[in-house]
Amino acid sequence: MQNFTEKRIDCPHCGHTFRMTLDVSGGDQEFYDDCPVCCNAIHLSLKVDNQHKTISLYVDADDEQVF
């Protein structure tokens, strides 16, 4: 599996679509990034399945988190 992949992201706040390069060498990750248009925080959850060679990216608004 390649260490870097590019994914298309739709901002959950404003709907703007942009591309993001992800480093999957670290395995599963959770992180935040700001939308380049509306500057709101976006929560991203990256799941790497090396056995099946798949990558899943879950995107949601920062205010949708359940604690």
PDB file of N, CA and C in Angstrom:
ATOM      1  N   MET A   1       0.847  -1.177   0.000  1.00  0.00           N
ATOM      2  CA  MET A   1       0.000   0.000   0.000  1.00  0.00           C
ATOM      3  C   MET A   1       0.893   1.241   0.000  1.00  0.00           C
ATOM      4  N   GLN A   2       0.511   2.237  -0.776  1.00  0.00           N
ATOM      5  CA  GLN A   2       1.270   3.483  -0.827  1.00  0.00           C
ATOM      6  C   GLN A   2       1.088   4.263   0.469  1.00  0.00           C
ATOM      7  N   ASN A   3       2.104   5.051   0.826  1.00  0.00           N
ATOM      8  CA  ASN A   3       2.047   5.822   2.067  1.00  0.00           C
ATOM      9  C   ASN A   3       1.179   7.061   1.961  1.00  0.00           C
ATOM     10  N   PHE A   4       0.987   7.578   0.744  1.00  0.00           N
ATOM     11  CA  PHE A   4       0.187   8.788   0.565  1.00  0.00           C
ATOM     12  C   PHE A   4      -0.960   8.510  -0.397  1.00  0.00           C
ATOM     13  N   THR A   5      -2.100   9.118  -0.103  1.00  0.00           N
ATOM     14  CA  THR A   5      -3.258   9.024  -0.991  1.00  0.00           C
ATOM     15  C   THR A   5      -3.960  10.377  -1.006  1.00  0.00           C
ATOM     16  N   GLU A   6      -4.669  10.652  -2.062  1.00  0.00           N
ATOM     17  CA  GLU A   6      -5.403  11.906  -2.171  1.00  0.00           C
ATOM     18  C   GLU A   6      -6.895  11.607  -2.141  1.00  0.00           C
ATOM     19  N   LYS A   7      -7.631  12.340  -1.325  1.00  0.00           N
ATOM     20  CA  LYS A   7      -9.078  12.156  -1.191  1.00  0.00           C
ATOM     21  C   LYS A   7      -9.789  13.480  -1.426  1.00  0.00           C
ATOM     22  N   ARG A   8     -11.000  13.385  -1.963  1.00  0.00           N
ATOM     23  CA  ARG A   8     -11.857  14.552  -2.136  1.00  0.00           C
ATOM     24  C   ARG A   8     -12.712  14.698  -0.889  1.00  0.00           C
ATOM     25  N   ILE A   9     -12.727  15.898  -0.331  1.00  0.00           N
ATOM     26  CA  ILE A   9     -13.447  16.180   0.911  1.00  0.00           C
ATOM     27  C   ILE A   9     -14.542  17.190   0.624  1.00  0.00           C
ATOM     28  N   ASP A  10     -15.725  16.963   1.162  1.00  0.00           N
ATOM     29  CA  ASP A  10     -16.816  17.941   1.126  1.00  0.00           C
ATOM     30  C   ASP A  10     -16.944  18.535   2.519  1.00  0.00           C
ATOM     31  N   CYS A  11     -16.805  19.842   2.621  1.00  0.00           N
ATOM     32  CA  CYS A  11     -16.918  20.504   3.916  1.00  0.00           C
ATOM     33  C   CYS A  11     -18.336  20.315   4.463  1.00  0.00           C
ATOM     34  N   PRO A  12     -18.470  19.812   5.702  1.00  0.00           N
ATOM     35  CA  PRO A  12     -19.808  19.635   6.283  1.00  0.00           C
ATOM     36  C   PRO A  12     -20.470  20.945   6.678  1.00  0.00           C
ATOM     37  N   HIS A  13     -19.719  22.040   6.666  1.00  0.00           N
ATOM     38  CA  HIS A  13     -20.263  23.346   7.044  1.00  0.00           C
ATOM     39  C   HIS A  13     -20.803  24.111   5.837  1.00  0.00           C
ATOM     40  N   CYS A  14     -19.960  24.241   4.788  1.00  0.00           N
ATOM     41  CA  CYS A  14     -20.345  25.091   3.652  1.00  0.00           C
ATOM     42  C   CYS A  14     -20.539  24.305   2.353  1.00  0.00           C
ATOM     43  N   GLY A  15     -20.139  23.029   2.329  1.00  0.00           N
ATOM     44  CA  GLY A  15     -20.331  22.195   1.147  1.00  0.00           C
ATOM     45  C   GLY A  15     -19.229  22.309   0.100  1.00  0.00           C
ATOM     46  N   HIS A  16     -18.235  23.158   0.343  1.00  0.00           N
ATOM     47  CA  HIS A  16     -17.124  23.314  -0.616  1.00  0.00           C
ATOM     48  C   HIS A  16     -16.356  21.994  -0.739  1.00  0.00           C
ATOM     49  N   THR A  17     -15.991  21.621  -1.961  1.00  0.00           N
ATOM     50  CA  THR A  17     -15.223  20.408  -2.209  1.00  0.00           C
ATOM     51  C   THR A  17     -13.765  20.773  -2.446  1.00  0.00           C
ATOM     52  N   PHE A  18     -12.865  20.065  -1.769  1.00  0.00           N
ATOM     53  CA  PHE A  18     -11.439  20.278  -1.962  1.00  0.00           C
ATOM     54  C   PHE A  18     -10.706  18.951  -1.820  1.00  0.00           C
ATOM     55  N   ARG A  19      -9.479  18.910  -2.294  1.00  0.00           N
ATOM     56  CA  ARG A  19      -8.667  17.698  -2.229  1.00  0.00           C
ATOM     57  C   ARG A  19      -7.673  17.802  -1.084  1.00  0.00           C
ATOM     58  N   MET A  20      -7.430  16.640  -0.448  1.00  0.00           N
ATOM     59  CA  MET A  20      -6.500  16.587   0.666  1.00  0.00           C
ATOM     60  C   MET A  20      -5.586  15.374   0.482  1.00  0.00           C
ATOM     61  N   THR A  21      -4.290  15.570   0.685  1.00  0.00           N
ATOM     62  CA  THR A  21      -3.342  14.469   0.633  1.00  0.00           C
ATOM     63  C   THR A  21      -3.185  13.907   2.037  1.00  0.00           C
ATOM     64  N   LEU A  22      -3.343  12.592   2.170  1.00  0.00           N
ATOM     65  CA  LEU A  22      -3.294  11.927   3.466  1.00  0.00           C
ATOM     66  C   LEU A  22      -2.084  11.007   3.547  1.00  0.00           C
ATOM     67  N   ASP A  23      -1.411  11.011   4.691  1.00  0.00           N
ATOM     68  CA  ASP A  23      -0.299  10.105   4.958  1.00  0.00           C
ATOM     69  C   ASP A  23      -0.864   8.919   5.739  1.00  0.00           C
ATOM     70  N   VAL A  24      -0.936   7.756   5.106  1.00  0.00           N
ATOM     71  CA  VAL A  24      -1.538   6.582   5.734  1.00  0.00           C
ATOM     72  C   VAL A  24      -0.498   5.662   6.378  1.00  0.00           C
ATOM     73  N   SER A  25       0.770   6.082   6.377  1.00  0.00           N
ATOM     74  CA  SER A  25       1.826   5.235   6.930  1.00  0.00           C
ATOM     75  C   SER A  25       1.702   5.056   8.442  1.00  0.00           C
ATOM     76  N   GLY A  26       1.001   5.977   9.116  1.00  0.00           N
ATOM     77  CA  GLY A  26       0.835   5.907  10.566  1.00  0.00           C
ATOM     78  C   GLY A  26      -0.355   5.083  11.010  1.00  0.00           C
ATOM     79  N   GLY A  27      -1.088   4.495  10.080  1.00  0.00           N
ATOM     80  CA  GLY A  27      -2.267   3.704  10.447  1.00  0.00           C
ATOM     81  C   GLY A  27      -3.465   4.585  10.734  1.00  0.00           C
ATOM     82  N   ASP A  28      -4.366   4.089  11.587  1.00  0.00           N
ATOM     83  CA  ASP A  28      -5.586   4.818  11.926  1.00  0.00           C
ATOM     84  C   ASP A  28      -5.241   6.141  12.608  1.00  0.00           C
ATOM     85  N   GLN A  29      -5.975   7.187  12.233  1.00  0.00           N
ATOM     86  CA  GLN A  29      -5.713   8.519  12.776  1.00  0.00           C
ATOM     87  C   GLN A  29      -7.015   9.290  12.918  1.00  0.00           C
ATOM     88  N   GLU A  30      -7.036  10.211  13.865  1.00  0.00           N
ATOM     89  CA  GLU A  30      -8.120  11.188  13.986  1.00  0.00           C
ATOM     90  C   GLU A  30      -7.457  12.548  14.077  1.00  0.00           C
ATOM     91  N   PHE A  31      -7.956  13.488  13.289  1.00  0.00           N
ATOM     92  CA  PHE A  31      -7.355  14.815  13.295  1.00  0.00           C
ATOM     93  C   PHE A  31      -8.367  15.845  12.827  1.00  0.00           C
ATOM     94  N   TYR A  32      -7.993  17.111  12.972  1.00  0.00           N
ATOM     95  CA  TYR A  32      -8.827  18.235  12.558  1.00  0.00           C
ATOM     96  C   TYR A  32      -8.087  19.043  11.507  1.00  0.00           C
ATOM     97  N   ASP A  33      -8.841  19.582  10.565  1.00  0.00           N
ATOM     98  CA  ASP A  33      -8.294  20.493   9.571  1.00  0.00           C
ATOM     99  C   ASP A  33      -9.353  21.559   9.325  1.00  0.00           C
ATOM    100  N   ASP A  34      -8.933  22.730   8.895  1.00  0.00           N
ATOM    101  CA  ASP A  34      -9.869  23.818   8.625  1.00  0.00           C
ATOM    102  C   ASP A  34     -10.237  23.846   7.154  1.00  0.00           C
ATOM    103  N   CYS A  35     -11.495  24.143   6.871  1.00  0.00           N
ATOM    104  CA  CYS A  35     -11.959  24.311   5.496  1.00  0.00           C
ATOM    105  C   CYS A  35     -11.251  25.527   4.899  1.00  0.00           C
ATOM    106  N   PRO A  36     -10.704  25.415   3.688  1.00  0.00           N
ATOM    107  CA  PRO A  36     -10.014  26.556   3.081  1.00  0.00           C
ATOM    108  C   PRO A  36     -10.951  27.698   2.682  1.00  0.00           C
ATOM    109  N   VAL A  37     -12.258  27.470   2.676  1.00  0.00           N
ATOM    110  CA  VAL A  37     -13.210  28.511   2.283  1.00  0.00           C
ATOM    111  C   VAL A  37     -13.852  29.172   3.500  1.00  0.00           C
ATOM    112  N   CYS A  38     -14.498  28.374   4.363  1.00  0.00           N
ATOM    113  CA  CYS A  38     -15.229  28.956   5.496  1.00  0.00           C
ATOM    114  C   CYS A  38     -14.419  28.954   6.798  1.00  0.00           C
ATOM    115  N   CYS A  39     -13.268  28.299   6.806  1.00  0.00           N
ATOM    116  CA  CYS A  39     -12.338  28.263   7.954  1.00  0.00           C
ATOM    117  C   CYS A  39     -12.889  27.550   9.186  1.00  0.00           C
ATOM    118  N   ASN A  40     -13.990  26.818   9.066  1.00  0.00           N
ATOM    119  CA  ASN A  40     -14.511  26.052  10.187  1.00  0.00           C
ATOM    120  C   ASN A  40     -13.727  24.750  10.331  1.00  0.00           C
ATOM    121  N   ALA A  41     -13.642  24.252  11.559  1.00  0.00           N
ATOM    122  CA  ALA A  41     -12.915  23.011  11.833  1.00  0.00           C
ATOM    123  C   ALA A  41     -13.688  21.804  11.308  1.00  0.00           C
ATOM    124  N   ILE A  42     -12.955  20.886  10.682  1.00  0.00           N
ATOM    125  CA  ILE A  42     -13.532  19.642  10.161  1.00  0.00           C
ATOM    126  C   ILE A  42     -12.837  18.489  10.869  1.00  0.00           C
ATOM    127  N   HIS A  43     -13.621  17.580  11.434  1.00  0.00           N
ATOM    128  CA  HIS A  43     -13.088  16.392  12.108  1.00  0.00           C
ATOM    129  C   HIS A  43     -12.950  15.277  11.078  1.00  0.00           C
ATOM    130  N   LEU A  44     -11.752  14.698  10.979  1.00  0.00           N
ATOM    131  CA  LEU A  44     -11.491  13.628  10.024  1.00  0.00           C
ATOM    132  C   LEU A  44     -11.030  12.387  10.792  1.00  0.00           C
ATOM    133  N   SER A  45     -11.577  11.247  10.435  1.00  0.00           N
ATOM    134  CA  SER A  45     -11.200   9.982  11.043  1.00  0.00           C
ATOM    135  C   SER A  45     -10.766   9.039   9.926  1.00  0.00           C
ATOM    136  N   LEU A  46      -9.492   8.673   9.935  1.00  0.00           N
ATOM    137  CA  LEU A  46      -8.897   7.848   8.895  1.00  0.00           C
ATOM    138  C   LEU A  46      -8.739   6.425   9.424  1.00  0.00           C
ATOM    139  N   LYS A  47      -9.272   5.467   8.705  1.00  0.00           N
ATOM    140  CA  LYS A  47      -9.158   4.053   9.063  1.00  0.00           C
ATOM    141  C   LYS A  47      -8.419   3.329   7.945  1.00  0.00           C
ATOM    142  N   VAL A  48      -7.320   2.666   8.284  1.00  0.00           N
ATOM    143  CA  VAL A  48      -6.494   1.955   7.306  1.00  0.00           C
ATOM    144  C   VAL A  48      -6.610   0.462   7.569  1.00  0.00           C
ATOM    145  N   ASP A  49      -7.009  -0.281   6.546  1.00  0.00           N
ATOM    146  CA  ASP A  49      -7.099  -1.743   6.630  1.00  0.00           C
ATOM    147  C   ASP A  49      -6.026  -2.326   5.710  1.00  0.00           C
ATOM    148  N   ASN A  50      -4.869  -2.653   6.295  1.00  0.00           N
ATOM    149  CA  ASN A  50      -3.754  -3.169   5.502  1.00  0.00           C
ATOM    150  C   ASN A  50      -4.033  -4.542   4.919  1.00  0.00           C
ATOM    151  N   GLN A  51      -4.829  -5.349   5.614  1.00  0.00           N
ATOM    152  CA  GLN A  51      -5.135  -6.697   5.141  1.00  0.00           C
ATOM    153  C   GLN A  51      -5.915  -6.652   3.824  1.00  0.00           C
ATOM    154  N   HIS A  52      -6.917  -5.768   3.749  1.00  0.00           N
ATOM    155  CA  HIS A  52      -7.739  -5.654   2.544  1.00  0.00           C
ATOM    156  C   HIS A  52      -7.275  -4.521   1.625  1.00  0.00           C
ATOM    157  N   LYS A  53      -6.217  -3.810   2.061  1.00  0.00           N
ATOM    158  CA  LYS A  53      -5.647  -2.687   1.303  1.00  0.00           C
ATOM    159  C   LYS A  53      -6.699  -1.630   0.976  1.00  0.00           C
ATOM    160  N   THR A  54      -7.456  -1.231   2.013  1.00  0.00           N
ATOM    161  CA  THR A  54      -8.479  -0.193   1.852  1.00  0.00           C
ATOM    162  C   THR A  54      -8.229   0.947   2.834  1.00  0.00           C
ATOM    163  N   ILE A  55      -8.702   2.112   2.456  1.00  0.00           N
ATOM    164  CA  ILE A  55      -8.611   3.309   3.289  1.00  0.00           C
ATOM    165  C   ILE A  55     -10.002   3.924   3.357  1.00  0.00           C
ATOM    166  N   SER A  56     -10.473   4.199   4.567  1.00  0.00           N
ATOM    167  CA  SER A  56     -11.766   4.851   4.759  1.00  0.00           C
ATOM    168  C   SER A  56     -11.535   6.169   5.476  1.00  0.00           C
ATOM    169  N   LEU A  57     -12.185   7.202   4.981  1.00  0.00           N
ATOM    170  CA  LEU A  57     -12.086   8.516   5.603  1.00  0.00           C
ATOM    171  C   LEU A  57     -13.482   8.986   5.960  1.00  0.00           C
ATOM    172  N   TYR A  58     -13.702   9.268   7.240  1.00  0.00           N
ATOM    173  CA  TYR A  58     -14.988   9.763   7.722  1.00  0.00           C
ATOM    174  C   TYR A  58     -14.835  11.237   8.065  1.00  0.00           C
ATOM    175  N   VAL A  59     -15.756  12.051   7.565  1.00  0.00           N
ATOM    176  CA  VAL A  59     -15.685  13.503   7.725  1.00  0.00           C
ATOM    177  C   VAL A  59     -16.951  13.981   8.422  1.00  0.00           C
ATOM    178  N   ASP A  60     -16.783  14.813   9.462  1.00  0.00           N
ATOM    179  CA  ASP A  60     -17.951  15.428  10.085  1.00  0.00           C
ATOM    180  C   ASP A  60     -17.569  16.785  10.659  1.00  0.00           C
ATOM    181  N   ALA A  61     -18.580  17.560  10.985  1.00  0.00           N
ATOM    182  CA  ALA A  61     -18.366  18.890  11.557  1.00  0.00           C
ATOM    183  C   ALA A  61     -17.889  18.738  12.998  1.00  0.00           C
ATOM    184  N   ASP A  62     -17.092  19.668  13.431  1.00  0.00           N
ATOM    185  CA  ASP A  62     -16.557  19.638  14.779  1.00  0.00           C
ATOM    186  C   ASP A  62     -17.674  19.620  15.828  1.00  0.00           C
ATOM    187  N   ASP A  63     -18.804  20.264  15.544  1.00  0.00           N
ATOM    188  CA  ASP A  63     -19.894  20.342  16.509  1.00  0.00           C
ATOM    189  C   ASP A  63     -20.788  19.103  16.513  1.00  0.00           C
ATOM    190  N   GLU A  64     -20.477  18.080  15.702  1.00  0.00           N
ATOM    191  CA  GLU A  64     -21.273  16.861  15.662  1.00  0.00           C
ATOM    192  C   GLU A  64     -20.715  15.762  16.555  1.00  0.00           C
ATOM    193  N   GLN A  65     -19.649  16.048  17.289  1.00  0.00           N
ATOM    194  CA  GLN A  65     -19.007  15.050  18.127  1.00  0.00           C
ATOM    195  C   GLN A  65     -19.896  14.693  19.314  1.00  0.00           C
ATOM    196  N   VAL A  66     -19.949  13.421  19.633  1.00  0.00           N
ATOM    197  CA  VAL A  66     -20.713  12.936  20.788  1.00  0.00           C
ATOM    198  C   VAL A  66     -19.716  12.456  21.820  1.00  0.00           C
ATOM    199  N   PHE A  67     -19.789  13.004  23.033  1.00  0.00           N
ATOM    200  CA  PHE A  67     -18.845  12.627  24.087  1.00  0.00           C
ATOM    201  C   PHE A  67     -19.547  11.894  25.195  1.00  0.00           C
TER     202      PHE A  67
END
